[in-house]
Amino acid sequence: MKVGLAAEEDVPEGGMRCVDLRGRRYALFREKGTVYCLDNTCTHLGGPLCEGTLREFVVQCPWHGSRFDIRSGQVVGPPARSAVRMYPTTVEGGKVWVDLP
């Protein structure tokens, strides 16, 4: 199901935004003009990824430092061992659209 999660202008370049939808939290990121969406929960101990730091397509969890590639959700730095779920994202008509299950 394609869902509009935010206005394009609400996701700053090189930054992120937290979004709540139906009791779930998602993290939106914009890097080099493209917007990406991940579950907002670190797979290590549940830290909020949208409160972490973003550098060159990698978000670092603020709790214990796990790092994930925002383009795929794959782990690129421990202590996390499992990927974060990534959702296909498009920007149309000034809105960020995400394909959610």
PDB file of N, CA and C in Angstrom:
ATOM      1  N   MET A   1       0.849  -1.176   0.000  1.00  0.00           N
ATOM      2  CA  MET A   1       0.000   0.000   0.000  1.00  0.00           C
ATOM      3  C   MET A   1       0.896   1.241   0.000  1.00  0.00           C
ATOM      4  N   LYS A   2       0.687   2.125  -0.933  1.00  0.00           N
ATOM      5  CA  LYS A   2       1.460   3.354  -1.035  1.00  0.00           C
ATOM      6  C   LYS A   2       0.850   4.409  -0.126  1.00  0.00           C
ATOM      7  N   VAL A   3       1.681   4.960   0.790  1.00  0.00           N
ATOM      8  CA  VAL A   3       1.202   5.900   1.798  1.00  0.00           C
ATOM      9  C   VAL A   3       2.052   7.169   1.766  1.00  0.00           C
ATOM     10  N   GLY A   4       1.399   8.326   1.824  1.00  0.00           N
ATOM     11  CA  GLY A   4       2.113   9.595   1.933  1.00  0.00           C
ATOM     12  C   GLY A   4       2.515   9.818   3.375  1.00  0.00           C
ATOM     13  N   LEU A   5       3.828   9.820   3.649  1.00  0.00           N
ATOM     14  CA  LEU A   5       4.292   9.944   5.035  1.00  0.00           C
ATOM     15  C   LEU A   5       4.698  11.349   5.434  1.00  0.00           C
ATOM     16  N   ALA A   6       5.086  12.177   4.473  1.00  0.00           N
ATOM     17  CA  ALA A   6       5.541  13.527   4.824  1.00  0.00           C
ATOM     18  C   ALA A   6       5.574  14.396   3.582  1.00  0.00           C
ATOM     19  N   ALA A   7       5.621  15.692   3.807  1.00  0.00           N
ATOM     20  CA  ALA A   7       5.878  16.619   2.713  1.00  0.00           C
ATOM     21  C   ALA A   7       7.361  16.546   2.387  1.00  0.00           C
ATOM     22  N   GLU A   8       7.697  16.644   1.118  1.00  0.00           N
ATOM     23  CA  GLU A   8       9.098  16.567   0.698  1.00  0.00           C
ATOM     24  C   GLU A   8       9.970  17.568   1.460  1.00  0.00           C
ATOM     25  N   GLU A   9       9.463  18.764   1.662  1.00  0.00           N
ATOM     26  CA  GLU A   9      10.225  19.814   2.349  1.00  0.00           C
ATOM     27  C   GLU A   9      10.487  19.506   3.827  1.00  0.00           C
ATOM     28  N   ASP A  10       9.770  18.550   4.392  1.00  0.00           N
ATOM     29  CA  ASP A  10       9.950  18.196   5.805  1.00  0.00           C
ATOM     30  C   ASP A  10      11.116  17.245   6.057  1.00  0.00           C
ATOM     31  N   VAL A  11      11.745  16.765   4.985  1.00  0.00           N
ATOM     32  CA  VAL A  11      12.903  15.879   5.126  1.00  0.00           C
ATOM     33  C   VAL A  11      14.100  16.639   4.561  1.00  0.00           C
ATOM     34  N   PRO A  12      14.913  17.247   5.433  1.00  0.00           N
ATOM     35  CA  PRO A  12      16.016  18.084   4.948  1.00  0.00           C
ATOM     36  C   PRO A  12      17.153  17.278   4.328  1.00  0.00           C
ATOM     37  N   GLU A  13      17.842  17.877   3.379  1.00  0.00           N
ATOM     38  CA  GLU A  13      19.014  17.251   2.766  1.00  0.00           C
ATOM     39  C   GLU A  13      20.048  16.951   3.856  1.00  0.00           C
ATOM     40  N   GLY A  14      20.531  15.713   3.866  1.00  0.00           N
ATOM     41  CA  GLY A  14      21.509  15.293   4.873  1.00  0.00           C
ATOM     42  C   GLY A  14      20.913  15.111   6.250  1.00  0.00           C
ATOM     43  N   GLY A  15      19.579  15.042   6.299  1.00  0.00           N
ATOM     44  CA  GLY A  15      18.906  14.938   7.595  1.00  0.00           C
ATOM     45  C   GLY A  15      17.845  13.850   7.609  1.00  0.00           C
ATOM     46  N   MET A  16      17.045  13.881   8.674  1.00  0.00           N
ATOM     47  CA  MET A  16      16.043  12.841   8.858  1.00  0.00           C
ATOM     48  C   MET A  16      14.795  13.390   9.521  1.00  0.00           C
ATOM     49  N   ARG A  17      13.759  12.560   9.512  1.00  0.00           N
ATOM     50  CA  ARG A  17      12.484  12.923  10.139  1.00  0.00           C
ATOM     51  C   ARG A  17      11.831  11.643  10.642  1.00  0.00           C
ATOM     52  N   CYS A  18      11.267  11.720  11.845  1.00  0.00           N
ATOM     53  CA  CYS A  18      10.501  10.608  12.422  1.00  0.00           C
ATOM     54  C   CYS A  18       9.041  10.768  12.018  1.00  0.00           C
ATOM     55  N   VAL A  19       8.393   9.651  11.692  1.00  0.00           N
ATOM     56  CA  VAL A  19       6.983   9.680  11.317  1.00  0.00           C
ATOM     57  C   VAL A  19       6.259   8.540  12.024  1.00  0.00           C
ATOM     58  N   ASP A  20       5.125   8.858  12.636  1.00  0.00           N
ATOM     59  CA  ASP A  20       4.278   7.841  13.271  1.00  0.00           C
ATOM     60  C   ASP A  20       3.080   7.583  12.367  1.00  0.00           C
ATOM     61  N   LEU A  21       2.782   6.300  12.169  1.00  0.00           N
ATOM     62  CA  LEU A  21       1.621   5.936  11.371  1.00  0.00           C
ATOM     63  C   LEU A  21       1.028   4.649  11.927  1.00  0.00           C
ATOM     64  N   ARG A  22      -0.191   4.724  12.378  1.00  0.00           N
ATOM     65  CA  ARG A  22      -0.905   3.553  12.899  1.00  0.00           C
ATOM     66  C   ARG A  22      -0.107   2.784  13.952  1.00  0.00           C
ATOM     67  N   GLY A  23       0.482   3.523  14.873  1.00  0.00           N
ATOM     68  CA  GLY A  23       1.197   2.886  15.978  1.00  0.00           C
ATOM     69  C   GLY A  23       2.597   2.409  15.648  1.00  0.00           C
ATOM     70  N   ARG A  24       3.094   2.708  14.462  1.00  0.00           N
ATOM     71  CA  ARG A  24       4.457   2.334  14.075  1.00  0.00           C
ATOM     72  C   ARG A  24       5.257   3.574  13.762  1.00  0.00           C
ATOM     73  N   ARG A  25       6.555   3.506  14.038  1.00  0.00           N
ATOM     74  CA  ARG A  25       7.431   4.639  13.745  1.00  0.00           C
ATOM     75  C   ARG A  25       8.344   4.297  12.576  1.00  0.00           C
ATOM     76  N   TYR A  26       8.483   5.268  11.691  1.00  0.00           N
ATOM     77  CA  TYR A  26       9.347   5.144  10.527  1.00  0.00           C
ATOM     78  C   TYR A  26      10.361   6.282  10.548  1.00  0.00           C
ATOM     79  N   ALA A  27      11.518   6.028   9.964  1.00  0.00           N
ATOM     80  CA  ALA A  27      12.559   7.044   9.854  1.00  0.00           C
ATOM     81  C   ALA A  27      12.753   7.368   8.378  1.00  0.00           C
ATOM     82  N   LEU A  28      12.597   8.636   8.030  1.00  0.00           N
ATOM     83  CA  LEU A  28      12.843   9.111   6.672  1.00  0.00           C
ATOM     84  C   LEU A  28      14.178   9.835   6.647  1.00  0.00           C
ATOM     85  N   PHE A  29      14.959   9.586   5.613  1.00  0.00           N
ATOM     86  CA  PHE A  29      16.277  10.200   5.458  1.00  0.00           C
ATOM     87  C   PHE A  29      16.384  10.769   4.048  1.00  0.00           C
ATOM     88  N   ARG A  30      17.137  11.870   3.914  1.00  0.00           N
ATOM     89  CA  ARG A  30      17.427  12.397   2.569  1.00  0.00           C
ATOM     90  C   ARG A  30      18.941  12.554   2.455  1.00  0.00           C
ATOM     91  N   GLU A  31      19.472  11.897   1.443  1.00  0.00           N
ATOM     92  CA  GLU A  31      20.910  11.978   1.182  1.00  0.00           C
ATOM     93  C   GLU A  31      21.116  12.110  -0.315  1.00  0.00           C
ATOM     94  N   LYS A  32      21.858  13.128  -0.718  1.00  0.00           N
ATOM     95  CA  LYS A  32      22.157  13.398  -2.136  1.00  0.00           C
ATOM     96  C   LYS A  32      20.882  13.466  -2.984  1.00  0.00           C
ATOM     97  N   GLY A  33      19.835  14.097  -2.410  1.00  0.00           N
ATOM     98  CA  GLY A  33      18.600  14.349  -3.141  1.00  0.00           C
ATOM     99  C   GLY A  33      17.581  13.228  -3.152  1.00  0.00           C
ATOM    100  N   THR A  34      17.915  12.073  -2.596  1.00  0.00           N
ATOM    101  CA  THR A  34      16.998  10.938  -2.591  1.00  0.00           C
ATOM    102  C   THR A  34      16.500  10.685  -1.173  1.00  0.00           C
ATOM    103  N   VAL A  35      15.215  10.352  -1.051  1.00  0.00           N
ATOM    104  CA  VAL A  35      14.614  10.065   0.261  1.00  0.00           C
ATOM    105  C   VAL A  35      14.513   8.551   0.442  1.00  0.00           C
ATOM    106  N   TYR A  36      14.858   8.096   1.638  1.00  0.00           N
ATOM    107  CA  TYR A  36      14.839   6.674   2.003  1.00  0.00           C
ATOM    108  C   TYR A  36      13.993   6.494   3.253  1.00  0.00           C
ATOM    109  N   CYS A  37      13.435   5.301   3.424  1.00  0.00           N
ATOM    110  CA  CYS A  37      12.607   5.011   4.598  1.00  0.00           C
ATOM    111  C   CYS A  37      13.022   3.671   5.204  1.00  0.00           C
ATOM    112  N   LEU A  38      13.230   3.689   6.527  1.00  0.00           N
ATOM    113  CA  LEU A  38      13.526   2.485   7.302  1.00  0.00           C
ATOM    114  C   LEU A  38      12.578   2.414   8.488  1.00  0.00           C
ATOM    115  N   ASP A  39      12.414   1.204   9.047  1.00  0.00           N
ATOM    116  CA  ASP A  39      11.789   1.126  10.357  1.00  0.00           C
ATOM    117  C   ASP A  39      12.646   1.978  11.274  1.00  0.00           C
ATOM    118  N   ASN A  40      12.039   2.618  12.246  1.00  0.00           N
ATOM    119  CA  ASN A  40      12.773   3.520  13.127  1.00  0.00           C
ATOM    120  C   ASN A  40      13.448   2.787  14.282  1.00  0.00           C
ATOM    121  N   THR A  41      13.385   1.477  14.319  1.00  0.00           N
ATOM    122  CA  THR A  41      13.880   0.714  15.459  1.00  0.00           C
ATOM    123  C   THR A  41      15.172  -0.029  15.129  1.00  0.00           C
ATOM    124  N   CYS A  42      16.233   0.281  15.854  1.00  0.00           N
ATOM    125  CA  CYS A  42      17.503  -0.427  15.697  1.00  0.00           C
ATOM    126  C   CYS A  42      17.293  -1.892  16.073  1.00  0.00           C
ATOM    127  N   THR A  43      17.885  -2.782  15.297  1.00  0.00           N
ATOM    128  CA  THR A  43      17.712  -4.215  15.544  1.00  0.00           C
ATOM    129  C   THR A  43      18.571  -4.730  16.694  1.00  0.00           C
ATOM    130  N   HIS A  44      19.415  -3.883  17.266  1.00  0.00           N
ATOM    131  CA  HIS A  44      20.232  -4.302  18.404  1.00  0.00           C
ATOM    132  C   HIS A  44      19.392  -4.296  19.675  1.00  0.00           C
ATOM    133  N   LEU A  45      19.004  -3.107  20.146  1.00  0.00           N
ATOM    134  CA  LEU A  45      18.178  -3.023  21.361  1.00  0.00           C
ATOM    135  C   LEU A  45      17.043  -2.021  21.218  1.00  0.00           C
ATOM    136  N   GLY A  46      16.654  -1.711  19.983  1.00  0.00           N
ATOM    137  CA  GLY A  46      15.456  -0.903  19.771  1.00  0.00           C
ATOM    138  C   GLY A  46      15.626   0.590  19.801  1.00  0.00           C
ATOM    139  N   GLY A  47      16.833   1.086  19.658  1.00  0.00           N
ATOM    140  CA  GLY A  47      17.057   2.537  19.662  1.00  0.00           C
ATOM    141  C   GLY A  47      16.362   3.231  18.504  1.00  0.00           C
ATOM    142  N   PRO A  48      16.009   4.515  18.683  1.00  0.00           N
ATOM    143  CA  PRO A  48      15.316   5.289  17.641  1.00  0.00           C
ATOM    144  C   PRO A  48      16.292   5.831  16.597  1.00  0.00           C
ATOM    145  N   LEU A  49      16.309   5.232  15.414  1.00  0.00           N
ATOM    146  CA  LEU A  49      17.277   5.617  14.386  1.00  0.00           C
ATOM    147  C   LEU A  49      17.139   7.072  13.955  1.00  0.00           C
ATOM    148  N   CYS A  50      15.924   7.606  13.952  1.00  0.00           N
ATOM    149  CA  CYS A  50      15.750   8.994  13.499  1.00  0.00           C
ATOM    150  C   CYS A  50      16.285  10.007  14.510  1.00  0.00           C
ATOM    151  N   GLU A  51      16.771   9.529  15.642  1.00  0.00           N
ATOM    152  CA  GLU A  51      17.427  10.421  16.604  1.00  0.00           C
ATOM    153  C   GLU A  51      18.942  10.249  16.569  1.00  0.00           C
ATOM    154  N   GLY A  52      19.426   9.438  15.614  1.00  0.00           N
ATOM    155  CA  GLY A  52      20.854   9.190  15.483  1.00  0.00           C
ATOM    156  C   GLY A  52      21.520  10.227  14.609  1.00  0.00           C
ATOM    157  N   THR A  53      22.655   9.837  14.041  1.00  0.00           N
ATOM    158  CA  THR A  53      23.379  10.731  13.145  1.00  0.00           C
ATOM    159  C   THR A  53      23.453  10.090  11.758  1.00  0.00           C
ATOM    160  N   LEU A  54      23.454  10.950  10.734  1.00  0.00           N
ATOM    161  CA  LEU A  54      23.492  10.493   9.349  1.00  0.00           C
ATOM    162  C   LEU A  54      24.740  11.047   8.684  1.00  0.00           C
ATOM    163  N   ARG A  55      25.504  10.148   8.055  1.00  0.00           N
ATOM    164  CA  ARG A  55      26.704  10.568   7.333  1.00  0.00           C
ATOM    165  C   ARG A  55      26.920   9.643   6.146  1.00  0.00           C
ATOM    166  N   GLU A  56      26.883  10.230   4.939  1.00  0.00           N
ATOM    167  CA  GLU A  56      27.167   9.468   3.718  1.00  0.00           C
ATOM    168  C   GLU A  56      26.402   8.149   3.632  1.00  0.00           C
ATOM    169  N   PHE A  57      25.086   8.211   3.676  1.00  0.00           N
ATOM    170  CA  PHE A  57      24.190   7.060   3.529  1.00  0.00           C
ATOM    171  C   PHE A  57      24.216   6.094   4.712  1.00  0.00           C
ATOM    172  N   VAL A  58      24.823   6.477   5.811  1.00  0.00           N
ATOM    173  CA  VAL A  58      24.881   5.600   6.985  1.00  0.00           C
ATOM    174  C   VAL A  58      24.293   6.325   8.186  1.00  0.00           C
ATOM    175  N   VAL A  59      23.293   5.667   8.817  1.00  0.00           N
ATOM    176  CA  VAL A  59      22.719   6.208  10.047  1.00  0.00           C
ATOM    177  C   VAL A  59      23.304   5.422  11.216  1.00  0.00           C
ATOM    178  N   GLN A  60      23.660   6.157  12.270  1.00  0.00           N
ATOM    179  CA  GLN A  60      24.207   5.533  13.471  1.00  0.00           C
ATOM    180  C   GLN A  60      23.200   5.666  14.598  1.00  0.00           C
ATOM    181  N   CYS A  61      22.861   4.534  15.216  1.00  0.00           N
ATOM    182  CA  CYS A  61      21.913   4.518  16.323  1.00  0.00           C
ATOM    183  C   CYS A  61      22.481   5.311  17.506  1.00  0.00           C
ATOM    184  N   PRO A  62      21.651   6.148  18.132  1.00  0.00           N
ATOM    185  CA  PRO A  62      22.142   6.957  19.244  1.00  0.00           C
ATOM    186  C   PRO A  62      22.400   6.166  20.536  1.00  0.00           C
ATOM    187  N   TRP A  63      21.875   4.980  20.651  1.00  0.00           N
ATOM    188  CA  TRP A  63      22.025   4.228  21.900  1.00  0.00           C
ATOM    189  C   TRP A  63      23.352   3.494  22.019  1.00  0.00           C
ATOM    190  N   HIS A  64      23.701   2.671  21.035  1.00  0.00           N
ATOM    191  CA  HIS A  64      24.912   1.848  21.165  1.00  0.00           C
ATOM    192  C   HIS A  64      25.814   1.899  19.935  1.00  0.00           C
ATOM    193  N   GLY A  65      25.473   2.752  18.955  1.00  0.00           N
ATOM    194  CA  GLY A  65      26.362   2.980  17.825  1.00  0.00           C
ATOM    195  C   GLY A  65      26.235   2.053  16.636  1.00  0.00           C
ATOM    196  N   SER A  66      25.242   1.175  16.616  1.00  0.00           N
ATOM    197  CA  SER A  66      25.046   0.330  15.423  1.00  0.00           C
ATOM    198  C   SER A  66      24.863   1.239  14.215  1.00  0.00           C
ATOM    199  N   ARG A  67      25.376   0.789  13.070  1.00  0.00           N
ATOM    200  CA  ARG A  67      25.280   1.598  11.855  1.00  0.00           C
ATOM    201  C   ARG A  67      24.604   0.805  10.747  1.00  0.00           C
ATOM    202  N   PHE A  68      23.742   1.506   9.996  1.00  0.00           N
ATOM    203  CA  PHE A  68      22.958   0.886   8.926  1.00  0.00           C
ATOM    204  C   PHE A  68      23.034   1.737   7.669  1.00  0.00           C
ATOM    205  N   ASP A  69      23.079   1.072   6.502  1.00  0.00           N
ATOM    206  CA  ASP A  69      23.020   1.757   5.219  1.00  0.00           C
ATOM    207  C   ASP A  69      21.556   2.099   4.958  1.00  0.00           C
ATOM    208  N   ILE A  70      21.245   3.374   4.801  1.00  0.00           N
ATOM    209  CA  ILE A  70      19.847   3.792   4.621  1.00  0.00           C
ATOM    210  C   ILE A  70      19.281   3.360   3.277  1.00  0.00           C
ATOM    211  N   ARG A  71      20.132   2.995   2.319  1.00  0.00           N
ATOM    212  CA  ARG A  71      19.665   2.564   1.002  1.00  0.00           C
ATOM    213  C   ARG A  71      19.146   1.135   1.008  1.00  0.00           C
ATOM    214  N   SER A  72      19.592   0.334   1.979  1.00  0.00           N
ATOM    215  CA  SER A  72      19.216  -1.082   2.011  1.00  0.00           C
ATOM    216  C   SER A  72      18.760  -1.575   3.377  1.00  0.00           C
ATOM    217  N   GLY A  73      19.121  -0.849   4.431  1.00  0.00           N
ATOM    218  CA  GLY A  73      18.834  -1.294   5.798  1.00  0.00           C
ATOM    219  C   GLY A  73      19.887  -2.244   6.346  1.00  0.00           C
ATOM    220  N   GLN A  74      20.891  -2.590   5.526  1.00  0.00           N
ATOM    221  CA  GLN A  74      21.917  -3.549   5.939  1.00  0.00           C
ATOM    222  C   GLN A  74      22.818  -2.976   7.032  1.00  0.00           C
ATOM    223  N   VAL A  75      23.267  -3.849   7.920  1.00  0.00           N
ATOM    224  CA  VAL A  75      24.190  -3.472   8.984  1.00  0.00           C
ATOM    225  C   VAL A  75      25.561  -3.189   8.365  1.00  0.00           C
ATOM    226  N   VAL A  76      26.159  -2.058   8.733  1.00  0.00           N
ATOM    227  CA  VAL A  76      27.522  -1.761   8.297  1.00  0.00           C
ATOM    228  C   VAL A  76      28.453  -1.555   9.495  1.00  0.00           C
ATOM    229  N   GLY A  77      27.912  -1.653  10.712  1.00  0.00           N
ATOM    230  CA  GLY A  77      28.724  -1.539  11.913  1.00  0.00           C
ATOM    231  C   GLY A  77      27.995  -2.094  13.117  1.00  0.00           C
ATOM    232  N   PRO A  78      28.706  -2.890  13.934  1.00  0.00           N
ATOM    233  CA  PRO A  78      28.106  -3.521  15.110  1.00  0.00           C
ATOM    234  C   PRO A  78      27.765  -2.498  16.190  1.00  0.00           C
ATOM    235  N   PRO A  79      27.006  -2.908  17.203  1.00  0.00           N
ATOM    236  CA  PRO A  79      26.749  -4.281  17.620  1.00  0.00           C
ATOM    237  C   PRO A  79      25.555  -4.963  16.951  1.00  0.00           C
ATOM    238  N   ALA A  80      24.734  -4.260  16.184  1.00  0.00           N
ATOM    239  CA  ALA A  80      23.600  -4.918  15.506  1.00  0.00           C
ATOM    240  C   ALA A  80      24.116  -5.974  14.543  1.00  0.00           C
ATOM    241  N   ARG A  81      23.331  -7.041  14.383  1.00  0.00           N
ATOM    242  CA  ARG A  81      23.693  -8.120  13.464  1.00  0.00           C
ATOM    243  C   ARG A  81      22.641  -8.324  12.378  1.00  0.00           C
ATOM    244  N   SER A  82      21.453  -7.765  12.585  1.00  0.00           N
ATOM    245  CA  SER A  82      20.346  -7.938  11.630  1.00  0.00           C
ATOM    246  C   SER A  82      20.009  -6.609  10.965  1.00  0.00           C
ATOM    247  N   ALA A  83      19.637  -6.688   9.699  1.00  0.00           N
ATOM    248  CA  ALA A  83      19.250  -5.497   8.942  1.00  0.00           C
ATOM    249  C   ALA A  83      17.962  -4.896   9.498  1.00  0.00           C
ATOM    250  N   VAL A  84      17.794  -3.607   9.244  1.00  0.00           N
ATOM    251  CA  VAL A  84      16.554  -2.892   9.538  1.00  0.00           C
ATOM    252  C   VAL A  84      15.711  -2.955   8.267  1.00  0.00           C
ATOM    253  N   ARG A  85      14.418  -3.108   8.413  1.00  0.00           N
ATOM    254  CA  ARG A  85      13.555  -3.178   7.230  1.00  0.00           C
ATOM    255  C   ARG A  85      13.542  -1.840   6.498  1.00  0.00           C
ATOM    256  N   MET A  86      13.732  -1.917   5.170  1.00  0.00           N
ATOM    257  CA  MET A  86      13.723  -0.759   4.304  1.00  0.00           C
ATOM    258  C   MET A  86      12.469  -0.820   3.442  1.00  0.00           C
ATOM    259  N   TYR A  87      11.895   0.339   3.128  1.00  0.00           N
ATOM    260  CA  TYR A  87      10.680   0.419   2.324  1.00  0.00           C
ATOM    261  C   TYR A  87      10.944   1.263   1.080  1.00  0.00           C
ATOM    262  N   PRO A  88      10.471   0.812  -0.092  1.00  0.00           N
ATOM    263  CA  PRO A  88      10.620   1.609  -1.320  1.00  0.00           C
ATOM    264  C   PRO A  88       9.938   2.967  -1.159  1.00  0.00           C
ATOM    265  N   THR A  89      10.630   4.002  -1.600  1.00  0.00           N
ATOM    266  CA  THR A  89      10.176   5.378  -1.389  1.00  0.00           C
ATOM    267  C   THR A  89      10.276   6.171  -2.688  1.00  0.00           C
ATOM    268  N   THR A  90       9.266   7.004  -2.941  1.00  0.00           N
ATOM    269  CA  THR A  90       9.291   7.914  -4.082  1.00  0.00           C
ATOM    270  C   THR A  90       8.829   9.284  -3.616  1.00  0.00           C
ATOM    271  N   VAL A  91       9.170  10.291  -4.384  1.00  0.00           N
ATOM    272  CA  VAL A  91       8.699  11.649  -4.125  1.00  0.00           C
ATOM    273  C   VAL A  91       7.912  12.085  -5.349  1.00  0.00           C
ATOM    274  N   GLU A  92       6.641  12.413  -5.129  1.00  0.00           N
ATOM    275  CA  GLU A  92       5.761  12.853  -6.212  1.00  0.00           C
ATOM    276  C   GLU A  92       4.862  13.964  -5.704  1.00  0.00           C
ATOM    277  N   GLY A  93       4.725  14.997  -6.493  1.00  0.00           N
ATOM    278  CA  GLY A  93       3.830  16.080  -6.131  1.00  0.00           C
ATOM    279  C   GLY A  93       4.169  16.731  -4.800  1.00  0.00           C
ATOM    280  N   GLY A  94       5.463  16.786  -4.469  1.00  0.00           N
ATOM    281  CA  GLY A  94       5.883  17.422  -3.218  1.00  0.00           C
ATOM    282  C   GLY A  94       5.642  16.579  -1.976  1.00  0.00           C
ATOM    283  N   LYS A  95       5.306  15.312  -2.161  1.00  0.00           N
ATOM    284  CA  LYS A  95       5.021  14.432  -1.031  1.00  0.00           C
ATOM    285  C   LYS A  95       5.905  13.187  -1.090  1.00  0.00           C
ATOM    286  N   VAL A  96       6.309  12.691   0.078  1.00  0.00           N
ATOM    287  CA  VAL A  96       7.098  11.465   0.175  1.00  0.00           C
ATOM    288  C   VAL A  96       6.130  10.301   0.316  1.00  0.00           C
ATOM    289  N   TRP A  97       6.193   9.378  -0.657  1.00  0.00           N
ATOM    290  CA  TRP A  97       5.330   8.208  -0.686  1.00  0.00           C
ATOM    291  C   TRP A  97       6.159   6.951  -0.378  1.00  0.00           C
ATOM    292  N   VAL A  98       5.625   6.103   0.482  1.00  0.00           N
ATOM    293  CA  VAL A  98       6.337   4.895   0.892  1.00  0.00           C
ATOM    294  C   VAL A  98       5.429   3.686   0.672  1.00  0.00           C
ATOM    295  N   ASP A  99       5.998   2.626   0.104  1.00  0.00           N
ATOM    296  CA  ASP A  99       5.258   1.368  -0.093  1.00  0.00           C
ATOM    297  C   ASP A  99       5.350   0.548   1.183  1.00  0.00           C
ATOM    298  N   LEU A 100       4.249   0.493   1.926  1.00  0.00           N
ATOM    299  CA  LEU A 100       4.198  -0.254   3.171  1.00  0.00           C
ATOM    300  C   LEU A 100       3.378  -1.525   2.987  1.00  0.00           C
ATOM    301  N   PRO A 101       3.703  -2.580   3.733  1.00  0.00           N
ATOM    302  CA  PRO A 101       2.944  -3.829   3.603  1.00  0.00           C
ATOM    303  C   PRO A 101       1.510  -3.692   4.108  1.00  0.00           C
TER     304      PRO A 101
END
